[in-house]
Amino acid sequence: MTLKKTLTIAGSDTSAGAGMQADLKTFQELNTYGMVALTSIVTMDNKTWSHDVTPLSFKVFEKQLETAIFIGPDAIKTGMLGTQEIIKRAGEAFEQSKAKYFVVDPVMVCKGENEVLNPGNTDAMIDHLLPKATIVTPNLFEAGQLSGLGTLKSIEEMKKAAEVIYDKGAKHVVIKGGKALDQEYSYDLYYDGDRFYQLKTDMFQQSYNHGAGCTFAAATTAYLANGKSPKEAVIAAKAFVASAIKNGWKMNEFVGPVDHGAYNRVEHIEVAVEEI
């Protein structure tokens, strides 16, 4: 059996719930061969759990990309990129790799933080990543930044933002609403440039959802690599991450990660899909 090869260009989460650790776990669960080009290392203060981001040198980053591109990924996703230079290089790497799919998870803040890591990165993502993206997967805050509409608070605002982001070059847009819109259901919006679809699951325990965004984007990447259409990949990824969230667990007093293996080991969650 020959596995499809998936590459994540992302940071390392030392707590292992998010970042490249979440990506590799998800890639493995979905039967792809996961690779990493590491951009930074994120550590946490033991007393406050505040995050410290340590970038890797661009030279080391470049060497990783050279190796990964030589191996030949079938699909690539991005996570925490950190600098405008790295963002630009990530877009170039996708084109050099000849990979068929490019999933952009536009990470702008660490979980638990509320300031954009580097405000100039938003423009760099718009210039260098969105025009190449097969699918872009922002949360409400990130979609507001990419669209210039500010933090989104309703399905109608999500639809407007999706149109703006699509017009900037992304072929498919998923805006993750999650728990922010409703306390009973989890909503995401998928836009293919023609139709809007609302993806809905029941709302599950939200205390232990660290890594949910990374996991969703990684699952989307793996499903694309294994032959699903963008719409099919997004719906399947929603089901995968819903299972992971429902079965999340408490790591310590600060955080609880999703269970990346829950979809295969515990249960499948049904996703309701409605054109809106």
C-alpha atoms as a PDB file:
ATOM      1  CA  MET A   1       0.000   0.000   0.000  1.00  0.00           C
ATOM      2  CA  THR A   2       1.363   3.408  -0.983  1.00  0.00           C
ATOM      3  CA  LEU A   3       0.312   6.203   1.343  1.00  0.00           C
ATOM      4  CA  LYS A   4      -0.387   9.722   0.164  1.00  0.00           C
ATOM      5  CA  LYS A   5       2.122  12.185   1.589  1.00  0.00           C
ATOM      6  CA  THR A   6       0.931  15.190   3.608  1.00  0.00           C
ATOM      7  CA  LEU A   7       3.142  18.059   4.740  1.00  0.00           C
ATOM      8  CA  THR A   8       2.416  20.544   7.500  1.00  0.00           C
ATOM      9  CA  ILE A   9       4.291  23.845   7.628  1.00  0.00           C
ATOM     10  CA  ALA A  10       3.628  24.801  11.219  1.00  0.00           C
ATOM     11  CA  GLY A  11       4.864  25.398  14.732  1.00  0.00           C
ATOM     12  CA  SER A  12       5.471  22.863  17.468  1.00  0.00           C
ATOM     13  CA  ASP A  13       3.086  22.912  20.437  1.00  0.00           C
ATOM     14  CA  THR A  14       5.084  21.474  23.312  1.00  0.00           C
ATOM     15  CA  SER A  15       1.857  20.454  25.068  1.00  0.00           C
ATOM     16  CA  ALA A  16       1.172  18.402  21.905  1.00  0.00           C
ATOM     17  CA  GLY A  17      -2.523  19.212  21.559  1.00  0.00           C
ATOM     18  CA  ALA A  18      -2.190  21.607  18.627  1.00  0.00           C
ATOM     19  CA  GLY A  19       0.421  22.602  16.062  1.00  0.00           C
ATOM     20  CA  MET A  20       2.394  20.064  14.125  1.00  0.00           C
ATOM     21  CA  GLN A  21       1.757  17.421  16.795  1.00  0.00           C
ATOM     22  CA  ALA A  22      -1.997  17.626  16.174  1.00  0.00           C
ATOM     23  CA  ASP A  23      -1.371  17.586  12.427  1.00  0.00           C
ATOM     24  CA  LEU A  24       0.803  14.463  12.512  1.00  0.00           C
ATOM     25  CA  LYS A  25      -1.628  12.598  14.782  1.00  0.00           C
ATOM     26  CA  THR A  26      -4.481  13.473  12.432  1.00  0.00           C
ATOM     27  CA  PHE A  27      -2.517  12.564   9.306  1.00  0.00           C
ATOM     28  CA  GLN A  28      -1.739   9.182  10.874  1.00  0.00           C
ATOM     29  CA  GLU A  29      -5.349   8.552  11.866  1.00  0.00           C
ATOM     30  CA  LEU A  30      -6.458   9.254   8.293  1.00  0.00           C
ATOM     31  CA  ASN A  31      -3.894   7.000   6.629  1.00  0.00           C
ATOM     32  CA  THR A  32      -1.494   9.514   5.136  1.00  0.00           C
ATOM     33  CA  TYR A  33       2.255   9.818   5.577  1.00  0.00           C
ATOM     34  CA  GLY A  34       2.778  13.013   7.557  1.00  0.00           C
ATOM     35  CA  MET A  35       5.821  15.275   7.254  1.00  0.00           C
ATOM     36  CA  VAL A  36       6.772  18.557   8.948  1.00  0.00           C
ATOM     37  CA  ALA A  37       8.605  21.756   8.117  1.00  0.00           C
ATOM     38  CA  LEU A  38       8.832  23.394  11.530  1.00  0.00           C
ATOM     39  CA  THR A  39       8.593  27.189  11.860  1.00  0.00           C
ATOM     40  CA  SER A  40       8.704  27.761  15.616  1.00  0.00           C
ATOM     41  CA  ILE A  41       8.452  26.162  19.045  1.00  0.00           C
ATOM     42  CA  VAL A  42       5.692  27.188  21.450  1.00  0.00           C
ATOM     43  CA  THR A  43       6.189  26.657  25.177  1.00  0.00           C
ATOM     44  CA  MET A  44       3.972  27.556  28.126  1.00  0.00           C
ATOM     45  CA  ASP A  45       4.603  29.176  31.482  1.00  0.00           C
ATOM     46  CA  ASN A  46       3.925  26.594  34.192  1.00  0.00           C
ATOM     47  CA  LYS A  47       2.249  29.123  36.491  1.00  0.00           C
ATOM     48  CA  THR A  48       0.035  31.041  34.047  1.00  0.00           C
ATOM     49  CA  TRP A  49       0.091  28.932  30.852  1.00  0.00           C
ATOM     50  CA  SER A  50       0.932  32.058  28.841  1.00  0.00           C
ATOM     51  CA  HIS A  51       2.637  31.190  25.563  1.00  0.00           C
ATOM     52  CA  ASP A  52       6.192  31.872  24.455  1.00  0.00           C
ATOM     53  CA  VAL A  53       6.899  31.532  20.725  1.00  0.00           C
ATOM     54  CA  THR A  54      10.508  30.844  19.704  1.00  0.00           C
ATOM     55  CA  PRO A  55      11.041  31.084  15.933  1.00  0.00           C
ATOM     56  CA  LEU A  56      13.486  28.786  14.183  1.00  0.00           C
ATOM     57  CA  SER A  57      16.055  30.368  11.914  1.00  0.00           C
ATOM     58  CA  PHE A  58      14.987  30.861   8.334  1.00  0.00           C
ATOM     59  CA  LYS A  59      18.012  28.843   7.223  1.00  0.00           C
ATOM     60  CA  VAL A  60      16.848  25.810   9.203  1.00  0.00           C
ATOM     61  CA  PHE A  61      13.299  26.283   7.934  1.00  0.00           C
ATOM     62  CA  GLU A  62      14.550  26.396   4.357  1.00  0.00           C
ATOM     63  CA  LYS A  63      16.519  23.162   4.770  1.00  0.00           C
ATOM     64  CA  GLN A  64      13.388  21.406   6.020  1.00  0.00           C
ATOM     65  CA  LEU A  65      11.401  22.607   3.016  1.00  0.00           C
ATOM     66  CA  GLU A  66      14.084  21.390   0.635  1.00  0.00           C
ATOM     67  CA  THR A  67      13.882  17.898   2.121  1.00  0.00           C
ATOM     68  CA  ALA A  68      10.088  17.785   2.176  1.00  0.00           C
ATOM     69  CA  ILE A  69       9.723  19.103  -1.366  1.00  0.00           C
ATOM     70  CA  PHE A  70      12.243  16.540  -2.596  1.00  0.00           C
ATOM     71  CA  ILE A  71      10.147  13.747  -1.027  1.00  0.00           C
ATOM     72  CA  GLY A  72       7.100  15.143  -2.834  1.00  0.00           C
ATOM     73  CA  PRO A  73       3.983  15.877  -0.770  1.00  0.00           C
ATOM     74  CA  ASP A  74       0.570  15.312  -2.323  1.00  0.00           C
ATOM     75  CA  ALA A  75      -1.087  17.919  -0.093  1.00  0.00           C
ATOM     76  CA  ILE A  76       0.262  20.706   2.103  1.00  0.00           C
ATOM     77  CA  LYS A  77      -1.264  22.608   5.001  1.00  0.00           C
ATOM     78  CA  THR A  78      -0.034  25.644   6.887  1.00  0.00           C
ATOM     79  CA  GLY A  79      -0.367  26.507  10.555  1.00  0.00           C
ATOM     80  CA  MET A  80       1.634  28.982  12.635  1.00  0.00           C
ATOM     81  CA  LEU A  81       4.012  30.703  10.228  1.00  0.00           C
ATOM     82  CA  GLY A  82       5.204  33.610  12.345  1.00  0.00           C
ATOM     83  CA  THR A  83       6.813  36.041   9.914  1.00  0.00           C
ATOM     84  CA  GLN A  84       6.044  37.597   6.562  1.00  0.00           C
ATOM     85  CA  GLU A  85       9.178  35.993   5.118  1.00  0.00           C
ATOM     86  CA  ILE A  86       8.047  32.523   6.180  1.00  0.00           C
ATOM     87  CA  ILE A  87       4.520  33.133   4.872  1.00  0.00           C
ATOM     88  CA  LYS A  88       5.873  34.120   1.472  1.00  0.00           C
ATOM     89  CA  ARG A  89       8.199  31.109   1.421  1.00  0.00           C
ATOM     90  CA  ALA A  90       5.369  28.731   2.352  1.00  0.00           C
ATOM     91  CA  GLY A  91       3.400  29.862  -0.681  1.00  0.00           C
ATOM     92  CA  GLU A  92       6.431  29.421  -2.914  1.00  0.00           C
ATOM     93  CA  ALA A  93       7.084  25.970  -1.453  1.00  0.00           C
ATOM     94  CA  PHE A  94       3.595  24.819  -2.409  1.00  0.00           C
ATOM     95  CA  GLU A  95       4.176  25.836  -6.014  1.00  0.00           C
ATOM     96  CA  GLN A  96       7.617  24.213  -6.082  1.00  0.00           C
ATOM     97  CA  SER A  97       6.323  20.981  -4.581  1.00  0.00           C
ATOM     98  CA  LYS A  98       3.789  20.274  -7.336  1.00  0.00           C
ATOM     99  CA  ALA A  99       1.387  19.206  -4.579  1.00  0.00           C
ATOM    100  CA  LYS A 100      -2.212  19.141  -5.763  1.00  0.00           C
ATOM    101  CA  TYR A 101      -3.817  20.641  -2.658  1.00  0.00           C
ATOM    102  CA  PHE A 102      -2.985  23.548  -0.351  1.00  0.00           C
ATOM    103  CA  VAL A 103      -4.947  24.045   2.879  1.00  0.00           C
ATOM    104  CA  VAL A 104      -4.308  27.359   4.637  1.00  0.00           C
ATOM    105  CA  ASP A 105      -5.103  27.513   8.345  1.00  0.00           C
ATOM    106  CA  PRO A 106      -4.412  31.228   8.973  1.00  0.00           C
ATOM    107  CA  VAL A 107      -3.191  31.004  12.565  1.00  0.00           C
ATOM    108  CA  MET A 108      -2.953  34.501  14.039  1.00  0.00           C
ATOM    109  CA  VAL A 109      -2.965  33.932  17.811  1.00  0.00           C
ATOM    110  CA  CYS A 110      -2.119  31.155  20.241  1.00  0.00           C
ATOM    111  CA  LYS A 111      -4.962  29.542  22.143  1.00  0.00           C
ATOM    112  CA  GLY A 112      -5.632  31.656  25.209  1.00  0.00           C
ATOM    113  CA  GLU A 113      -3.996  34.741  23.724  1.00  0.00           C
ATOM    114  CA  ASN A 114      -5.840  37.659  22.133  1.00  0.00           C
ATOM    115  CA  GLU A 115      -3.239  39.663  20.225  1.00  0.00           C
ATOM    116  CA  VAL A 116      -2.243  38.986  16.636  1.00  0.00           C
ATOM    117  CA  LEU A 117       1.273  37.559  16.644  1.00  0.00           C
ATOM    118  CA  ASN A 118       2.393  39.929  13.891  1.00  0.00           C
ATOM    119  CA  PRO A 119      -0.189  42.297  12.338  1.00  0.00           C
ATOM    120  CA  GLY A 120       1.759  42.446   9.062  1.00  0.00           C
ATOM    121  CA  ASN A 121       1.215  38.727   8.642  1.00  0.00           C
ATOM    122  CA  THR A 122      -2.421  39.243   7.665  1.00  0.00           C
ATOM    123  CA  ASP A 123      -1.488  41.176   4.542  1.00  0.00           C
ATOM    124  CA  ALA A 124       1.205  38.614   3.747  1.00  0.00           C
ATOM    125  CA  MET A 125      -1.333  35.781   3.975  1.00  0.00           C
ATOM    126  CA  ILE A 126      -3.691  37.662   1.680  1.00  0.00           C
ATOM    127  CA  ASP A 127      -0.903  38.298  -0.847  1.00  0.00           C
ATOM    128  CA  HIS A 128       1.010  35.014  -0.776  1.00  0.00           C
ATOM    129  CA  LEU A 129      -1.314  32.267   0.499  1.00  0.00           C
ATOM    130  CA  LEU A 130      -4.951  32.972  -0.355  1.00  0.00           C
ATOM    131  CA  PRO A 131      -4.420  33.064  -4.152  1.00  0.00           C
ATOM    132  CA  LYS A 132      -2.901  29.572  -3.939  1.00  0.00           C
ATOM    133  CA  ALA A 133      -5.261  28.049  -1.361  1.00  0.00           C
ATOM    134  CA  THR A 134      -7.454  25.111  -2.261  1.00  0.00           C
ATOM    135  CA  ILE A 135      -9.262  25.669   1.044  1.00  0.00           C
ATOM    136  CA  VAL A 136      -8.752  28.301   3.728  1.00  0.00           C
ATOM    137  CA  THR A 137     -10.061  27.537   7.241  1.00  0.00           C
ATOM    138  CA  PRO A 138     -10.221  30.689   9.431  1.00  0.00           C
ATOM    139  CA  ASN A 139     -12.113  30.964  12.695  1.00  0.00           C
ATOM    140  CA  LEU A 140     -14.386  33.956  13.277  1.00  0.00           C
ATOM    141  CA  PHE A 141     -11.563  36.241  14.386  1.00  0.00           C
ATOM    142  CA  GLU A 142      -9.233  35.222  11.567  1.00  0.00           C
ATOM    143  CA  ALA A 143     -11.985  35.538   8.957  1.00  0.00           C
ATOM    144  CA  GLY A 144     -12.700  39.023  10.250  1.00  0.00           C
ATOM    145  CA  GLN A 145      -9.041  39.932   9.850  1.00  0.00           C
ATOM    146  CA  LEU A 146      -8.683  38.455   6.363  1.00  0.00           C
ATOM    147  CA  SER A 147     -11.901  40.081   5.140  1.00  0.00           C
ATOM    148  CA  GLY A 148     -11.404  43.397   6.937  1.00  0.00           C
ATOM    149  CA  LEU A 149     -14.902  43.104   8.432  1.00  0.00           C
ATOM    150  CA  GLY A 150     -13.875  42.699  12.066  1.00  0.00           C
ATOM    151  CA  THR A 151     -14.894  39.852  14.378  1.00  0.00           C
ATOM    152  CA  LEU A 152     -17.937  38.082  12.958  1.00  0.00           C
ATOM    153  CA  LYS A 153     -21.037  37.463  15.078  1.00  0.00           C
ATOM    154  CA  SER A 154     -23.658  35.901  12.797  1.00  0.00           C
ATOM    155  CA  ILE A 155     -24.137  33.560   9.860  1.00  0.00           C
ATOM    156  CA  GLU A 156     -24.887  36.545   7.595  1.00  0.00           C
ATOM    157  CA  GLU A 157     -21.625  38.238   8.574  1.00  0.00           C
ATOM    158  CA  MET A 158     -19.801  34.948   7.963  1.00  0.00           C
ATOM    159  CA  LYS A 159     -21.294  34.774   4.464  1.00  0.00           C
ATOM    160  CA  LYS A 160     -20.105  38.301   3.663  1.00  0.00           C
ATOM    161  CA  ALA A 161     -16.622  37.533   4.936  1.00  0.00           C
ATOM    162  CA  ALA A 162     -16.487  34.278   2.955  1.00  0.00           C
ATOM    163  CA  GLU A 163     -17.287  36.154  -0.246  1.00  0.00           C
ATOM    164  CA  VAL A 164     -14.536  38.696   0.418  1.00  0.00           C
ATOM    165  CA  ILE A 165     -11.980  35.974   1.190  1.00  0.00           C
ATOM    166  CA  TYR A 166     -13.023  34.025  -1.915  1.00  0.00           C
ATOM    167  CA  ASP A 167     -12.546  37.151  -4.004  1.00  0.00           C
ATOM    168  CA  LYS A 168      -8.982  37.388  -2.664  1.00  0.00           C
ATOM    169  CA  GLY A 169      -8.186  34.093  -4.364  1.00  0.00           C
ATOM    170  CA  ALA A 170      -9.085  31.147  -2.123  1.00  0.00           C
ATOM    171  CA  LYS A 171     -10.973  28.511  -4.114  1.00  0.00           C
ATOM    172  CA  HIS A 172     -12.985  27.277  -1.123  1.00  0.00           C
ATOM    173  CA  VAL A 173     -13.634  28.980   2.217  1.00  0.00           C
ATOM    174  CA  VAL A 174     -14.607  27.429   5.538  1.00  0.00           C
ATOM    175  CA  ILE A 175     -15.329  29.794   8.424  1.00  0.00           C
ATOM    176  CA  LYS A 176     -15.416  27.992  11.745  1.00  0.00           C
ATOM    177  CA  GLY A 177     -18.164  29.387  13.943  1.00  0.00           C
ATOM    178  CA  GLY A 178     -18.047  26.666  16.544  1.00  0.00           C
ATOM    179  CA  LYS A 179     -19.523  27.573  19.913  1.00  0.00           C
ATOM    180  CA  ALA A 180     -19.487  31.338  19.332  1.00  0.00           C
ATOM    181  CA  LEU A 181     -22.836  31.534  17.537  1.00  0.00           C
ATOM    182  CA  ASP A 182     -24.998  29.146  19.544  1.00  0.00           C
ATOM    183  CA  GLN A 183     -24.848  27.255  22.833  1.00  0.00           C
ATOM    184  CA  GLU A 184     -26.742  24.232  21.482  1.00  0.00           C
ATOM    185  CA  TYR A 185     -25.147  23.627  18.081  1.00  0.00           C
ATOM    186  CA  SER A 186     -21.737  24.064  16.479  1.00  0.00           C
ATOM    187  CA  TYR A 187     -21.908  25.884  13.132  1.00  0.00           C
ATOM    188  CA  ASP A 188     -19.352  26.178  10.365  1.00  0.00           C
ATOM    189  CA  LEU A 189     -19.894  27.848   6.992  1.00  0.00           C
ATOM    190  CA  TYR A 190     -18.565  26.412   3.732  1.00  0.00           C
ATOM    191  CA  TYR A 191     -18.477  28.506   0.525  1.00  0.00           C
ATOM    192  CA  ASP A 192     -17.368  27.202  -2.869  1.00  0.00           C
ATOM    193  CA  GLY A 193     -17.745  30.483  -4.746  1.00  0.00           C
ATOM    194  CA  ASP A 194     -21.245  29.586  -5.822  1.00  0.00           C
ATOM    195  CA  ARG A 195     -23.180  28.153  -2.883  1.00  0.00           C
ATOM    196  CA  PHE A 196     -23.111  28.476   0.892  1.00  0.00           C
ATOM    197  CA  TYR A 197     -23.503  25.423   3.108  1.00  0.00           C
ATOM    198  CA  GLN A 198     -24.061  25.360   6.842  1.00  0.00           C
ATOM    199  CA  LEU A 199     -22.367  22.448   8.625  1.00  0.00           C
ATOM    200  CA  LYS A 200     -23.906  21.671  11.993  1.00  0.00           C
ATOM    201  CA  THR A 201     -23.295  19.249  14.838  1.00  0.00           C
ATOM    202  CA  ASP A 202     -24.522  19.158  18.405  1.00  0.00           C
ATOM    203  CA  MET A 203     -22.466  21.224  20.846  1.00  0.00           C
ATOM    204  CA  PHE A 204     -20.181  19.078  22.947  1.00  0.00           C
ATOM    205  CA  GLN A 205     -18.062  19.674  26.036  1.00  0.00           C
ATOM    206  CA  GLN A 206     -16.082  22.783  25.155  1.00  0.00           C
ATOM    207  CA  SER A 207     -13.677  22.821  28.075  1.00  0.00           C
ATOM    208  CA  TYR A 208     -11.286  20.452  26.342  1.00  0.00           C
ATOM    209  CA  ASN A 209     -10.967  21.649  22.756  1.00  0.00           C
ATOM    210  CA  HIS A 210      -7.289  22.575  22.489  1.00  0.00           C
ATOM    211  CA  GLY A 211      -6.092  21.773  18.976  1.00  0.00           C
ATOM    212  CA  ALA A 212      -9.517  21.669  17.352  1.00  0.00           C
ATOM    213  CA  GLY A 213      -8.647  24.167  14.612  1.00  0.00           C
ATOM    214  CA  CYS A 214      -5.377  22.493  13.679  1.00  0.00           C
ATOM    215  CA  THR A 215      -7.062  19.110  13.690  1.00  0.00           C
ATOM    216  CA  PHE A 216      -9.847  20.281  11.396  1.00  0.00           C
ATOM    217  CA  ALA A 217      -7.402  21.703   8.841  1.00  0.00           C
ATOM    218  CA  ALA A 218      -5.176  18.630   9.022  1.00  0.00           C
ATOM    219  CA  ALA A 219      -8.150  16.314   8.523  1.00  0.00           C
ATOM    220  CA  THR A 220      -9.260  18.388   5.530  1.00  0.00           C
ATOM    221  CA  THR A 221      -5.760  18.061   4.077  1.00  0.00           C
ATOM    222  CA  ALA A 222      -5.649  14.294   4.566  1.00  0.00           C
ATOM    223  CA  TYR A 223      -9.095  13.770   3.079  1.00  0.00           C
ATOM    224  CA  LEU A 224      -8.132  15.836   0.014  1.00  0.00           C
ATOM    225  CA  ALA A 225      -4.935  13.847  -0.410  1.00  0.00           C
ATOM    226  CA  ASN A 226      -6.929  10.619  -0.267  1.00  0.00           C
ATOM    227  CA  GLY A 227      -9.272  11.697  -3.049  1.00  0.00           C
ATOM    228  CA  LYS A 228     -12.280  13.459  -1.561  1.00  0.00           C
ATOM    229  CA  SER A 229     -13.616  16.591  -3.234  1.00  0.00           C
ATOM    230  CA  PRO A 230     -13.216  19.856  -1.284  1.00  0.00           C
ATOM    231  CA  LYS A 231     -16.834  19.750  -0.111  1.00  0.00           C
ATOM    232  CA  GLU A 232     -16.577  16.093   0.892  1.00  0.00           C
ATOM    233  CA  ALA A 233     -13.273  16.743   2.664  1.00  0.00           C
ATOM    234  CA  VAL A 234     -14.673  19.634   4.688  1.00  0.00           C
ATOM    235  CA  ILE A 235     -17.751  17.684   5.796  1.00  0.00           C
ATOM    236  CA  ALA A 236     -15.654  14.652   6.725  1.00  0.00           C
ATOM    237  CA  ALA A 237     -13.191  16.852   8.618  1.00  0.00           C
ATOM    238  CA  LYS A 238     -16.074  18.420  10.551  1.00  0.00           C
ATOM    239  CA  ALA A 239     -17.184  14.935  11.631  1.00  0.00           C
ATOM    240  CA  PHE A 240     -13.619  13.962  12.533  1.00  0.00           C
ATOM    241  CA  VAL A 241     -13.016  17.011  14.720  1.00  0.00           C
ATOM    242  CA  ALA A 242     -16.483  16.807  16.314  1.00  0.00           C
ATOM    243  CA  SER A 243     -15.594  13.342  17.590  1.00  0.00           C
ATOM    244  CA  ALA A 244     -12.245  14.675  18.797  1.00  0.00           C
ATOM    245  CA  ILE A 245     -13.893  17.557  20.675  1.00  0.00           C
ATOM    246  CA  LYS A 246     -16.631  15.438  22.222  1.00  0.00           C
ATOM    247  CA  ASN A 247     -13.992  13.095  23.608  1.00  0.00           C
ATOM    248  CA  GLY A 248     -11.510  15.775  24.681  1.00  0.00           C
ATOM    249  CA  TRP A 249      -9.841  15.280  28.036  1.00  0.00           C
ATOM    250  CA  LYS A 250      -8.332  17.320  30.881  1.00  0.00           C
ATOM    251  CA  MET A 251      -4.549  17.549  30.673  1.00  0.00           C
ATOM    252  CA  ASN A 252      -4.000  19.900  33.609  1.00  0.00           C
ATOM    253  CA  GLU A 253      -5.628  22.857  35.359  1.00  0.00           C
ATOM    254  CA  PHE A 254      -5.107  25.071  32.294  1.00  0.00           C
ATOM    255  CA  VAL A 255      -5.919  23.044  29.219  1.00  0.00           C
ATOM    256  CA  GLY A 256      -7.518  19.952  27.770  1.00  0.00           C
ATOM    257  CA  PRO A 257      -6.747  18.719  24.252  1.00  0.00           C
ATOM    258  CA  VAL A 258      -9.099  17.070  21.796  1.00  0.00           C
ATOM    259  CA  ASP A 259      -8.757  13.328  21.312  1.00  0.00           C
ATOM    260  CA  HIS A 260      -7.269  13.020  17.840  1.00  0.00           C
ATOM    261  CA  GLY A 261      -8.035   9.308  17.658  1.00  0.00           C
ATOM    262  CA  ALA A 262     -11.663   9.430  18.778  1.00  0.00           C
ATOM    263  CA  TYR A 263     -13.163   9.231  15.278  1.00  0.00           C
ATOM    264  CA  ASN A 264     -11.507   5.890  14.586  1.00  0.00           C
ATOM    265  CA  ARG A 265     -11.495   4.517  18.122  1.00  0.00           C
ATOM    266  CA  VAL A 266     -14.684   5.766  19.808  1.00  0.00           C
ATOM    267  CA  GLU A 267     -17.464   7.114  17.579  1.00  0.00           C
ATOM    268  CA  HIS A 268     -18.487   8.911  14.403  1.00  0.00           C
ATOM    269  CA  ILE A 269     -20.468  12.149  14.758  1.00  0.00           C
ATOM    270  CA  GLU A 270     -23.131  12.972  12.188  1.00  0.00           C
ATOM    271  CA  VAL A 271     -22.863  16.338  10.417  1.00  0.00           C
ATOM    272  CA  ALA A 272     -26.005  18.041   9.161  1.00  0.00           C
ATOM    273  CA  VAL A 273     -25.382  19.865   5.870  1.00  0.00           C
ATOM    274  CA  GLU A 274     -27.807  22.510   4.635  1.00  0.00           C
ATOM    275  CA  GLU A 275     -27.526  24.903   1.705  1.00  0.00           C
ATOM    276  CA  ILE A 276     -28.330  28.422   2.912  1.00  0.00           C
END
